[in-house]
Protein backbone atom coordinates (compact mmCIF):
# COMPACT_ATOMS: atom_id res chain seq x y z
CA MET A 1 65.56 -183.71 362.58
CA LYS A 2 65.34 -180.93 360.00
CA LEU A 3 62.31 -179.11 358.62
CA THR A 4 62.53 -177.15 355.39
CA PHE A 5 59.61 -175.09 354.12
CA LEU A 6 59.41 -175.24 350.33
CA GLY A 7 55.97 -173.75 349.75
CA ALA A 8 53.13 -171.90 351.50
CA ALA A 9 55.83 -170.17 353.54
CA GLY A 10 54.87 -166.53 353.91
CA GLU A 11 52.06 -167.06 351.38
CA VAL A 12 48.84 -169.04 351.04
CA THR A 13 49.36 -171.51 348.20
CA GLY A 14 51.92 -174.15 347.17
CA SER A 15 51.97 -176.29 350.32
CA GLN A 16 55.22 -178.30 350.51
CA HIS A 17 57.26 -179.12 353.63
CA LEU A 18 60.26 -181.43 353.90
CA ILE A 19 61.06 -183.54 356.98
CA GLU A 20 64.55 -185.06 357.18
CA THR A 21 66.01 -187.42 359.77
CA SER A 22 69.16 -189.52 359.74
CA HIS A 23 67.20 -192.23 357.88
CA ARG A 24 64.17 -190.59 356.24
CA ARG A 25 63.26 -187.80 353.80
CA ILE A 26 59.48 -187.27 353.81
CA LEU A 27 57.53 -184.58 351.97
CA LEU A 28 54.28 -183.18 353.37
CA ASP A 29 52.06 -182.14 350.44
CA CYS A 30 53.20 -181.11 346.98
CA GLY A 31 50.89 -178.31 345.91
CA PHE A 32 50.80 -175.81 343.10
CA PHE A 33 51.55 -172.19 343.74
CA GLN A 34 48.52 -170.31 342.40
CA GLY A 35 48.46 -166.73 341.21
CA HIS A 36 49.65 -164.83 338.14
CA ARG A 37 50.36 -167.36 335.37
CA ALA A 38 53.98 -166.40 334.65
CA GLU A 39 54.96 -166.20 338.31
CA SER A 40 53.17 -169.46 339.08
CA ARG A 41 54.93 -171.21 336.22
CA GLN A 42 58.34 -170.10 337.48
CA LYS A 43 57.67 -171.36 341.00
CA ASN A 44 56.01 -174.63 340.00
CA GLU A 45 58.62 -175.86 337.53
CA HIS A 46 61.42 -176.12 340.14
CA PHE A 47 61.81 -178.56 343.05
CA TYR A 48 64.19 -178.05 345.96
CA CYS A 49 63.59 -181.37 347.72
CA ARG A 50 65.60 -183.75 345.45
CA PRO A 51 62.54 -185.78 344.36
CA SER A 52 64.42 -188.99 343.54
CA ASP A 53 65.83 -189.11 347.09
CA LEU A 54 62.47 -188.87 348.87
CA ASP A 55 61.37 -191.97 350.80
CA GLY A 56 57.72 -191.03 350.44
CA MET A 57 55.18 -188.27 350.80
CA ILE A 58 52.09 -187.66 352.88
CA LEU A 59 49.12 -185.85 351.34
CA SER A 60 46.80 -183.94 353.67
CA HIS A 61 44.00 -183.46 351.11
CA ALA A 62 43.27 -183.07 347.42
CA HIS A 63 43.04 -179.32 346.85
CA THR A 64 45.28 -178.20 344.00
CA ASP A 65 47.49 -176.04 346.22
CA HIS A 66 48.30 -179.19 348.22
CA LEU A 67 48.56 -181.92 345.55
CA GLY A 68 48.72 -180.22 342.14
CA ASN A 69 52.44 -180.71 341.53
CA LEU A 70 52.58 -184.40 342.47
CA PRO A 71 52.86 -185.48 338.81
CA GLY A 72 55.68 -182.95 338.39
CA LEU A 73 57.41 -184.55 341.37
CA TYR A 74 57.04 -187.95 339.69
CA LYS A 75 58.38 -186.52 336.41
CA ALA A 76 61.41 -185.24 338.35
CA GLY A 77 62.22 -188.72 339.66
CA PHE A 78 60.05 -189.37 342.73
CA ARG A 79 59.06 -193.03 343.05
CA GLY A 80 58.07 -193.40 346.69
CA PRO A 81 54.61 -194.11 348.14
CA VAL A 82 51.97 -191.38 348.62
CA PHE A 83 49.93 -191.84 351.79
CA CYS A 84 46.48 -190.28 352.19
CA THR A 85 42.89 -191.11 353.21
CA PRO A 86 40.64 -193.22 350.91
CA PRO A 87 38.39 -190.29 349.86
CA THR A 88 41.47 -188.19 349.09
CA GLU A 89 42.78 -190.94 346.81
CA ASP A 90 39.49 -190.92 344.87
CA VAL A 91 39.34 -187.13 344.63
CA ALA A 92 43.02 -186.90 343.67
CA GLN A 93 42.47 -189.08 340.62
CA VAL A 94 39.84 -186.68 339.29
CA MET A 95 41.79 -183.54 340.18
CA LEU A 96 45.09 -184.63 338.69
CA TYR A 97 43.68 -185.78 335.36
CA ASP A 98 41.83 -182.47 335.12
CA SER A 99 45.06 -180.65 335.87
CA ILE A 100 46.55 -181.92 332.59
CA HIS A 101 44.07 -179.73 330.68
CA ILE A 102 44.94 -176.73 332.85
CA GLN A 103 48.64 -177.33 332.15
CA GLU A 104 47.98 -177.39 328.42
CA GLU A 105 45.91 -174.21 328.58
CA ASP A 106 48.51 -172.35 330.65
CA ALA A 107 51.30 -173.42 328.29
CA ARG A 108 49.35 -172.14 325.28
CA TYR A 109 48.60 -168.85 327.03
CA LEU A 110 52.23 -168.23 328.05
CA SER A 111 53.51 -169.21 324.59
CA ARG A 112 51.54 -166.38 322.98
CA SER A 113 53.91 -163.74 324.36
CA LEU A 114 57.12 -165.47 323.22
CA ALA A 115 59.33 -164.25 320.42
CA ALA A 116 58.82 -165.98 317.07
CA ASN A 117 62.06 -167.96 317.36
CA HIS A 118 61.50 -169.05 320.97
CA PRO A 119 60.51 -172.70 321.47
CA PRO A 120 56.92 -173.11 322.75
CA ILE A 121 56.33 -173.56 326.46
CA GLU A 122 55.43 -177.14 327.35
CA PRO A 123 52.98 -178.28 330.06
CA LEU A 124 54.63 -178.96 333.41
CA TYR A 125 53.62 -182.62 333.13
CA GLU A 126 51.65 -185.05 330.99
CA GLU A 127 49.12 -187.86 331.39
CA SER A 128 51.84 -190.50 331.84
CA HIS A 129 53.15 -188.65 334.90
CA VAL A 130 49.65 -188.49 336.41
CA ALA A 131 49.11 -192.19 335.77
CA GLY A 132 52.52 -193.01 337.24
CA VAL A 133 52.08 -191.12 340.48
CA LEU A 134 48.53 -192.38 341.03
CA LYS A 135 49.92 -195.93 341.10
CA LYS A 136 52.00 -194.87 344.11
CA PHE A 137 48.99 -193.95 346.26
CA GLU A 138 48.40 -195.97 349.43
CA ALA A 139 45.15 -195.18 351.23
CA CYS A 140 45.09 -195.24 355.05
CA PRO A 141 41.67 -195.01 356.76
CA TYR A 142 41.01 -192.35 359.38
CA GLY A 143 41.70 -193.00 363.03
CA ALA A 144 44.18 -195.89 363.05
CA TRP A 145 47.96 -195.75 363.34
CA HIS A 146 49.67 -197.10 360.21
CA GLU A 147 53.26 -198.32 360.54
CA LEU A 148 55.04 -197.19 357.40
CA ALA A 149 58.49 -198.39 358.55
CA PRO A 150 60.06 -199.53 361.84
CA ASP A 151 61.00 -195.91 362.56
CA MET A 152 57.83 -194.20 361.33
CA LYS A 153 54.05 -194.36 361.71
CA VAL A 154 51.22 -192.06 360.71
CA ARG A 155 47.60 -191.45 361.64
CA PHE A 156 45.03 -189.42 359.72
CA THR A 157 42.43 -187.50 361.74
CA ASP A 158 39.49 -185.70 360.11
CA ALA A 159 40.38 -182.04 359.46
CA GLY A 160 36.82 -181.05 358.48
CA HIS A 161 38.04 -179.00 355.50
CA ILE A 162 36.92 -180.98 352.43
CA LEU A 163 35.98 -184.58 351.76
CA GLY A 164 38.98 -186.70 352.79
CA SER A 165 40.97 -183.89 354.39
CA ALA A 166 43.22 -184.92 357.26
CA ILE A 167 45.25 -183.65 360.14
CA VAL A 168 48.47 -185.65 359.84
CA GLU A 169 49.99 -187.11 363.00
CA ILE A 170 53.49 -188.57 362.55
CA GLU A 171 55.66 -190.43 365.02
CA LEU A 172 59.22 -190.60 363.79
CA GLU A 173 62.42 -191.99 365.30
CA ASP A 174 65.59 -189.96 364.87
CA ASN A 175 68.87 -190.86 366.62
CA GLN A 176 67.03 -193.30 368.92
CA THR A 177 64.55 -190.61 369.99
CA TRP A 178 60.90 -190.66 368.97
CA LYS A 179 59.34 -187.34 367.98
CA ARG A 180 55.71 -186.53 367.40
CA ILE A 181 54.84 -184.15 364.54
CA VAL A 182 51.37 -182.74 363.82
CA PHE A 183 50.58 -181.11 360.48
CA THR A 184 47.15 -179.52 360.25
CA GLY A 185 46.97 -179.50 356.46
CA ASP A 186 44.05 -177.10 356.05
CA LEU A 187 42.14 -177.04 359.31
CA GLY A 188 38.39 -176.88 358.85
CA ARG A 189 35.59 -175.17 360.74
CA ARG A 190 33.10 -176.31 363.30
CA GLY A 191 29.51 -176.33 362.13
CA LEU A 192 30.27 -176.36 358.42
CA PRO A 193 27.58 -178.05 356.30
CA LEU A 194 28.29 -181.51 354.86
CA LEU A 195 31.58 -181.95 356.70
CA ARG A 196 32.28 -183.40 360.11
CA ASP A 197 33.88 -180.98 362.54
CA PRO A 198 37.68 -181.02 362.75
CA GLN A 199 38.82 -183.48 365.38
CA LEU A 200 41.10 -182.67 368.28
CA VAL A 201 44.57 -184.16 368.58
CA ASP A 202 46.99 -184.23 371.50
CA GLY A 203 50.12 -182.18 372.06
CA CYS A 204 53.29 -182.78 370.06
CA ASP A 205 56.96 -181.98 369.71
CA VAL A 206 56.47 -180.12 366.42
CA LEU A 207 53.34 -178.42 365.08
CA ILE A 208 53.01 -177.17 361.50
CA THR A 209 49.77 -175.23 361.23
CA GLU A 210 48.00 -173.35 358.48
CA SER A 211 46.78 -169.80 359.16
CA THR A 212 44.65 -168.68 356.20
CA TYR A 213 41.93 -166.95 358.25
CA GLY A 214 43.65 -166.75 361.62
CA ASP A 215 43.11 -163.00 361.95
CA ARG A 216 39.32 -162.88 361.50
CA LEU A 217 35.97 -164.48 362.29
CA HIS A 218 33.61 -166.00 359.73
CA GLU A 219 29.92 -165.35 359.67
CA PRO A 220 27.90 -168.49 360.52
CA ALA A 221 27.81 -170.84 357.57
CA HIS A 222 24.06 -171.41 357.74
CA ASP A 223 23.45 -167.68 357.25
CA ILE A 224 24.59 -168.24 353.66
CA GLU A 225 21.23 -169.83 352.82
CA ALA A 226 19.45 -166.58 353.63
CA HIS A 227 22.05 -164.51 351.75
CA LEU A 228 21.76 -166.69 348.66
CA GLU A 229 17.98 -166.45 348.71
CA ARG A 230 18.16 -162.66 349.08
CA ILE A 231 20.68 -162.17 346.26
CA ILE A 232 19.00 -164.56 343.81
CA ARG A 233 15.55 -163.02 344.40
CA ARG A 234 16.85 -159.46 344.01
CA VAL A 235 18.76 -160.19 340.79
CA PHE A 236 15.87 -162.28 339.43
CA ASP A 237 13.47 -159.38 340.01
CA ARG A 238 15.64 -157.00 338.00
CA GLY A 239 16.17 -159.48 335.15
CA GLY A 240 19.85 -160.18 335.73
CA ARG A 241 22.09 -163.19 336.21
CA VAL A 242 24.06 -164.34 339.25
CA VAL A 243 27.62 -165.47 338.56
CA ILE A 244 29.34 -167.44 341.31
CA PRO A 245 33.01 -168.42 340.97
CA ALA A 246 33.55 -171.58 343.02
CA PHE A 247 36.23 -174.18 343.35
CA SER A 248 35.08 -177.47 341.87
CA LEU A 249 36.18 -179.37 344.95
CA GLY A 250 34.34 -178.65 348.18
CA ARG A 251 32.88 -175.20 347.63
CA THR A 252 30.63 -176.14 344.72
CA GLN A 253 29.21 -179.17 346.56
CA THR A 254 28.48 -177.06 349.66
CA LEU A 255 26.83 -174.36 347.57
CA VAL A 256 24.64 -176.87 345.70
CA TYR A 257 23.69 -178.48 349.02
CA PHE A 258 22.45 -175.09 350.30
CA LEU A 259 20.51 -174.44 347.11
CA ASN A 260 18.99 -177.91 347.39
CA ARG A 261 17.81 -177.09 350.92
CA LEU A 262 16.33 -173.78 349.72
CA PHE A 263 14.50 -175.60 346.92
CA ASN A 264 13.14 -178.24 349.29
CA ALA A 265 11.89 -175.46 351.58
CA GLY A 266 10.16 -173.65 348.68
CA ARG A 267 12.40 -170.60 349.05
CA LEU A 268 14.00 -170.46 345.58
CA PRO A 269 12.43 -168.46 342.74
CA GLN A 270 11.87 -170.46 339.55
CA VAL A 271 15.22 -169.61 338.01
CA PRO A 272 17.51 -172.03 336.14
CA ILE A 273 20.70 -172.90 338.02
CA PHE A 274 23.71 -174.22 336.10
CA VAL A 275 26.82 -175.86 337.46
CA ASP A 276 29.14 -175.16 334.54
CA SER A 277 32.06 -177.43 335.31
CA PRO A 278 32.63 -181.01 334.17
CA LEU A 279 35.14 -181.32 337.00
CA SER A 280 32.50 -180.31 339.56
CA LYS A 281 30.21 -182.99 338.17
CA GLU A 282 32.92 -185.64 338.58
CA ILE A 283 33.83 -184.49 342.08
CA THR A 284 30.16 -184.52 343.06
CA SER A 285 30.02 -188.16 341.97
CA VAL A 286 32.93 -188.87 344.36
CA TYR A 287 31.00 -187.13 347.15
CA ARG A 288 28.03 -189.38 346.42
CA ARG A 289 30.27 -192.46 346.83
CA HIS A 290 31.47 -191.21 350.22
CA LEU A 291 28.25 -189.89 351.78
CA HIS A 292 29.01 -192.01 354.86
CA GLU A 293 32.06 -189.79 355.51
CA LEU A 294 29.91 -186.66 355.79
CA ASP A 295 28.24 -185.11 358.83
CA ASP A 296 25.21 -186.10 360.93
CA GLU A 297 22.98 -183.36 359.48
CA LEU A 298 23.46 -184.78 355.99
CA GLN A 299 22.72 -188.28 357.26
CA ARG A 300 19.36 -186.96 358.56
CA ASP A 301 18.65 -185.19 355.24
CA LEU A 302 19.24 -188.46 353.39
CA GLN A 303 16.21 -189.95 355.13
CA THR A 304 13.94 -187.72 353.00
CA ASP A 305 16.19 -186.71 350.08
CA ASN A 306 18.34 -189.37 348.45
CA ASP A 307 20.46 -186.90 346.45
CA PRO A 308 21.51 -183.67 348.19
CA PHE A 309 23.31 -182.52 345.01
CA LEU A 310 20.40 -182.52 342.54
CA PHE A 311 16.96 -180.90 342.38
CA PRO A 312 14.53 -179.70 339.66
CA GLY A 313 15.92 -176.62 337.93
CA LEU A 314 19.55 -177.56 338.56
CA ARG A 315 21.59 -178.68 335.56
CA TYR A 316 25.22 -179.77 335.26
CA ILE A 317 26.83 -178.45 332.06
CA ASN A 318 29.37 -180.60 330.22
CA SER A 319 30.33 -179.29 326.79
CA ALA A 320 32.05 -176.01 325.97
CA SER A 321 29.33 -175.19 323.44
CA GLU A 322 26.62 -175.54 326.11
CA SER A 323 28.69 -173.31 328.38
CA ALA A 324 29.09 -170.63 325.72
CA GLY A 325 25.36 -170.81 325.00
CA LEU A 326 24.53 -169.65 328.53
CA ASN A 327 25.89 -166.20 327.73
CA HIS A 328 23.25 -165.76 325.02
CA LEU A 329 20.32 -166.40 327.39
CA ARG A 330 18.10 -163.37 327.88
CA ASP A 331 16.22 -164.55 330.96
CA PRO A 332 17.67 -164.58 334.50
CA PHE A 333 19.78 -167.53 335.61
CA VAL A 334 22.39 -168.54 338.16
CA VAL A 335 25.71 -170.04 337.06
CA ILE A 336 28.33 -171.64 339.30
CA ALA A 337 31.64 -172.19 337.54
CA SER A 338 35.33 -172.67 338.28
CA SER A 339 37.98 -171.62 338.94
CA GLY A 340 37.35 -170.14 342.35
CA MET A 341 39.89 -167.34 341.96
CA CYS A 342 38.74 -166.57 338.39
CA GLU A 343 42.15 -167.11 336.82
CA THR A 344 41.24 -169.88 334.38
CA GLY A 345 38.28 -171.90 333.22
CA ARG A 346 34.75 -171.14 332.16
CA ILE A 347 34.11 -168.60 334.90
CA VAL A 348 36.33 -166.07 333.10
CA HIS A 349 34.03 -166.16 330.06
CA HIS A 350 30.93 -165.74 332.24
CA LEU A 351 32.51 -162.77 333.99
CA LYS A 352 33.46 -161.20 330.67
CA HIS A 353 29.79 -161.28 329.65
CA ALA A 354 28.36 -160.27 333.03
CA VAL A 355 30.41 -157.63 334.84
CA ALA A 356 29.48 -154.66 332.65
CA ASP A 357 25.73 -155.04 333.28
CA GLU A 358 24.41 -153.44 336.45
CA ARG A 359 21.49 -155.89 336.58
CA ASN A 360 23.89 -158.76 337.27
CA ALA A 361 25.65 -159.85 340.45
CA VAL A 362 28.99 -161.56 341.05
CA VAL A 363 29.05 -163.48 344.33
CA MET A 364 32.52 -164.21 345.75
CA ILE A 365 32.35 -167.10 348.20
CA GLY A 366 36.00 -168.07 348.66
CA PHE A 367 39.44 -166.73 349.44
CA GLN A 368 40.89 -164.64 346.61
CA ALA A 369 44.69 -164.59 346.49
CA GLN A 370 46.60 -161.44 345.64
CA HIS A 371 47.03 -160.60 341.94
CA THR A 372 44.14 -162.83 340.83
CA LEU A 373 41.13 -161.65 338.83
CA GLY A 374 38.94 -162.71 341.73
CA ARG A 375 40.78 -160.41 344.12
CA ARG A 376 40.54 -157.51 341.68
CA ILE A 377 36.78 -157.97 341.28
CA GLN A 378 36.38 -158.28 345.03
CA GLU A 379 38.13 -154.91 345.46
CA ARG A 380 35.53 -153.35 343.09
CA PRO A 381 37.64 -151.10 340.82
CA PRO A 382 35.87 -149.19 338.01
CA TYR A 383 37.42 -151.52 335.41
CA VAL A 384 38.84 -155.04 335.44
CA ARG A 385 41.15 -156.65 332.88
CA ILE A 386 39.63 -159.79 331.35
CA PHE A 387 41.24 -161.52 328.37
CA ASP A 388 43.54 -158.51 327.85
CA ARG A 389 40.62 -156.07 327.70
CA GLN A 390 39.56 -153.46 330.23
CA VAL A 391 35.91 -154.15 331.04
CA PRO A 392 33.77 -151.80 333.15
CA LEU A 393 32.71 -153.35 336.46
CA ARG A 394 29.10 -152.25 336.88
CA ALA A 395 27.65 -155.50 338.24
CA GLU A 396 26.88 -155.79 341.93
CA VAL A 397 29.66 -157.59 343.83
CA GLU A 398 28.74 -159.56 346.95
CA VAL A 399 31.33 -161.19 349.22
CA LEU A 400 30.04 -164.05 351.38
CA SER A 401 32.70 -165.35 353.75
CA GLY A 402 30.50 -167.81 355.60
CA LEU A 403 31.29 -170.66 353.21
CA SER A 404 35.00 -170.64 353.92
CA ALA A 405 36.15 -174.14 354.80
CA HIS A 406 39.16 -172.83 356.74
CA ALA A 407 39.28 -172.39 360.50
CA ASP A 408 38.90 -168.83 361.78
CA ALA A 409 40.44 -167.31 364.91
CA ASP A 410 37.91 -168.92 367.26
CA ASP A 411 38.36 -172.34 365.66
CA PHE A 412 42.15 -172.09 366.00
CA ARG A 413 41.84 -171.00 369.63
CA TRP A 414 39.55 -173.95 370.41
CA TRP A 415 41.85 -176.42 368.64
CA PHE A 416 45.04 -175.03 370.18
CA ASP A 417 43.51 -175.09 373.69
CA HIS A 418 43.26 -178.86 373.47
CA LEU A 419 46.92 -179.09 372.46
CA ALA A 420 47.80 -177.00 375.53
CA THR A 421 45.89 -179.28 377.90
CA THR A 422 47.44 -182.46 376.47
CA GLY A 423 51.12 -181.63 376.74
CA GLY A 424 51.44 -178.51 374.62
CA VAL A 425 53.78 -178.03 371.69
CA GLY A 426 57.56 -178.07 371.67
CA ARG A 427 57.99 -175.91 368.58
CA ALA A 428 55.36 -174.42 366.28
CA PHE A 429 55.61 -173.27 362.67
CA VAL A 430 52.90 -171.18 361.01
CA VAL A 431 52.42 -171.57 357.24
CA HIS A 432 49.76 -171.15 354.54
CA GLY A 433 48.75 -167.60 355.35
CA GLU A 434 49.32 -163.99 354.39
CA PRO A 435 51.51 -162.06 356.85
CA ASN A 436 48.76 -160.62 359.06
CA SER A 437 46.93 -163.93 359.49
CA ALA A 438 50.17 -165.84 360.10
CA ARG A 439 51.22 -163.40 362.81
CA ALA A 440 47.78 -163.65 364.40
CA VAL A 441 48.01 -167.45 364.61
CA ALA A 442 51.55 -167.21 365.97
CA LYS A 443 50.19 -165.01 368.75
CA LEU A 444 47.42 -167.52 369.52
CA LEU A 445 50.17 -170.09 370.11
CA GLU A 446 51.98 -168.03 372.75
CA ASN A 447 50.62 -170.08 375.65
CA VAL A 448 50.67 -173.37 373.77
CA SER A 449 54.21 -173.62 372.42
CA ASN A 450 57.37 -173.85 374.53
CA GLU A 451 59.08 -171.42 372.16
CA PRO A 452 57.67 -168.48 370.16
CA ALA A 453 55.94 -169.73 367.03
CA VAL A 454 57.89 -169.16 363.82
CA VAL A 455 56.54 -167.93 360.49
CA PRO A 456 59.13 -169.47 358.15
CA HIS A 457 60.36 -168.01 354.89
CA PHE A 458 60.61 -169.91 351.61
CA LYS A 459 63.43 -172.51 351.72
CA GLU A 460 64.15 -171.76 355.39
CA THR A 461 65.44 -174.78 357.37
CA PHE A 462 65.14 -175.50 361.11
CA GLU A 463 66.73 -178.09 363.36
CA VAL A 464 64.15 -179.50 365.78
């Protein structure tokens, strides 16, 4: 059996891993590389897995860096099934149709810098490719083994990362020998609001594990409520606005859930709160349809509050004109908008109007990849470049890591310990992390794996 790492190898985004046996070619995830537009475009427009030859693909969850290039794979000739959990199928439909607009925007942006006689840059894919690949989805509920072929079966176990996220367990026959492969996708955290804790799985022949925050510890997630109350009150008192970049999927719902709890407890000042993202509104509707998939604490909350994602003073913004109008408000307000790394979307406009005013605050609540506007703001330079202009950064910048939906070092250690006590790991591969975090997770696997864990490079292949 061969493993080839075609994305998230030595970096955080673009998850894509190829499994090949004598009879099967299976792709794990097909995500977008995210970062600087031109570099991202170059990486995302090429496939190295021969899409038309794939027997199928398995999707761990519906974040863009794990599924965003699925329509591109279909455009390039892929026609196999896509296996995932039922909530992931529902979320994927929303995310992929939204991605068409992002493709169009990126193409327009990159075309601006072309010579006059150069043909315009086209989107990486179109609506027909999204519609085509969505017809290939086959949902498999959590917890049960699903036989995909006589020589292959799969089971999805809750990863506790976002709604529908899964740890993928695969049993695959190769040359009359069965091998067990475990792919973490993005491993979640214990004690995260809304989501069930990641579940434990038994040892395996091959482990492919993410490592995003493997070199650090998160602050407790429930401390975020107190931090949000503190920041909003302080900025409200000085007449400013709070701008929160947040991914539409997962992070926004968790943030709104906390604000809802603060409102119910009488701890929020009377300040308007806007969720400025049509995508967030759609994703929140999917969450409402799958409340039964969320954690026990939410189930208790539902006994007294039938909608954890809505409260007086909270408004979901739809139109671009309504969004633009927020920047002309004189009174304090809070706005949550995507994208989470501040590279595209309405958040960039809100930042343009907010960062130069010392009364305002920007609250970073998620991982910020290198070379993104979010990372530059987080590093607090005197000026930041927004829409090709240098803008002074005078606003307060707060970084709250407690909302991260990725496992930290303690979560990895806990999860790996169970692998060790149930047979261990034959070989381990560490992906989806910057170098320091990947090395830290590789070290945590020293007593779990029979061989030293490997941090693969892009396009590197291993026989296992």
